[in-house]
Amino acid sequence: MTLTTRWTIRLASLLSSLLCCGAHLSADAIKTVDYVLQISIDGLRGDTLQRLVSDAPETLPNFYRLQTEGAFTYNGRADFANTETIPNHISMITGRPVSHAEGIPLTAPHGYTINDPPETHTIHENGNPDVEYKSSTFDVAHDNGLKTALFATKTKLSILDRSYDEDNGAQDVIGEDNGPDKLDVTYLIDGSSAATVNVALDLLETAPANYTFLHIVEPDTVGHFWGWTSPDYEQSITVVDSYLGLILEAIDTTPHLANDTAIVLTADHGGFNFNHGNLDFIENSIIPFFVWGLGLPGGVDLHDVATNRFDPGDSRPRYTAEQQPWRNGDAANVAMMALGLDPVPGSLMLSVFEAASVEGDFDRDGLLDIDDINLLVAASATGANDSSFDLNRDSTIDVSDVMRWTDLKNIWPGDANLDGEFNSRDFVAVFIAGEYEDGIAQNSVWSEGDWNGDGEFSTSDLVTAFNIGGYERGPRPPVAVPEPEMVVLPLLCCVVYRRVRRSC
């Protein structure tokens, strides 16, 4: 049977199983914690933050820490049809789109589009009339007996408190009745977020809520006054970074928080010129998204650890698009998953994290074995366009990824049977397979002599293996052995070939 009808079929089966596992949140993919801090940075544009962190990480050490210790993207998206503050913050706690659009259920959006809510408005009464009650993160956490808190530096965000207070919150039908008021602590002011952060820190360090929503305002304030491309706007981001430093220090130094606290950070919208409401400017939709403290690999792109989220490039995908970006509304259910809770009832945005696995373990059986390297070689030979095989992250699946796998397994190229050594036993195995320069296109995998990922067992594989210098050197040491001189390679290949022929 050829590679096309054997390993390619298995490769296709593997990819299909990975893509179809997105029906629910995978709680096993991340660790759960007792405390979650969901942070909204008002008006923080993702591409600007990315440039600043990339150009001078020392000026934003705490954003850089979130990036290097957690998973992140600077290319998330606000709601598709709305880039205003209040509607997007409601999405952040409900996991719902703002408005109805063709292709999504009438009951999907929260439907509240007013950016300056009257003091009598609630999300339920004045939002989507097709949904009587819009559940939130505060409902899920509080109804499960957890303490909740809201800290915000815009008093118009009081609609979040008002919609879930004693008069407007739903009855608790989960276990013990914890009452309709879903927020245990609230603090809302206008002005600088310095006071807001200090009050939040006091609670974190003494009697923390299990779920805290913290809103920081500075980038939005400065963006409206000085512009989203001004030096003052960039300076406002350093102010936010200083707040993050205080928060991270509190987590690190407070025993009940250390190693048991997660941060889910995003923004309600970006900005362009002096505003952010015009959907024609993609800059208004670009937001960052960080997930820290949940055991995800540090420094990885969020798109690489989720099965149903994709980098949108410079586009603004609709909610009906096959490939969805990370949206600020995803924060609701990421926060709930971090606490080990169910998704927010009625929410549409359900990101699915991939189960944690060993790098290079493509079939996810917990082992780096012959099946994994054969799958990788097949992917390289057939040009499979799946980033999970791109071990060196260069957007191409080729021999360099095969060599990366040998580094992970700490074996020599040429170790066909993965016994830890490259010796005559490997040549016996591959020549018995009978595929050396057999003229059949792409019918070989690693265990049959394809050591460079082109689907063939040929002289080029022998050159690849001998060029590394591991033949009959025993187990591969942690430090690479110097390469042999190229002039001896043809001789070595011929000698080994004759030895194998005699062994057969």
Foldseek 3Di string as FASTA:
>chain_A
DFCVPPLVVVLVVLVVVLLPPPPFADLLQWAAFQAEEEEAEAAAFLVVVVVCCVVCVVLQVLVVCLQQFFAKDSFFWAALQWLADQLRVVLLFQQAHQDDDPPDDLLGHLADHDRQDDPPDASQVRGRVVDNARFTLLLQQVLVPFAEEEFEAACSNCNVQVCQAQVRFDWRPRPDTSGRRSHPYYHYHHDACPVSLVVQLVCLQPPHTRYYYYYGYQLLVCCQVPNLPDPSSVVSVSVVSVSSVSVVVSQCPRVSRPLRYKYWYKYSFHGGGNGQTDSVDLSGTGMMIGIHSTPDRGNHHPCVFWSQADRPDSDSDHPNDRHHHHYSSLNNQVSQSSNVTGGGPSNDRGTYTDHDADQQPSSRPRDNALSSQQSLLSCLQVVPQDCSQVRVPPSHRWQVSLVVSCLSLQAAQCPLHSPQARELVQVLQQVVVVFEPPVDALRDGSNNQPRTSNSGRYVVSLCRRLQQPGYPPGGHDNDGDHGDDPVCSVVVVVVSVVVSVVVD
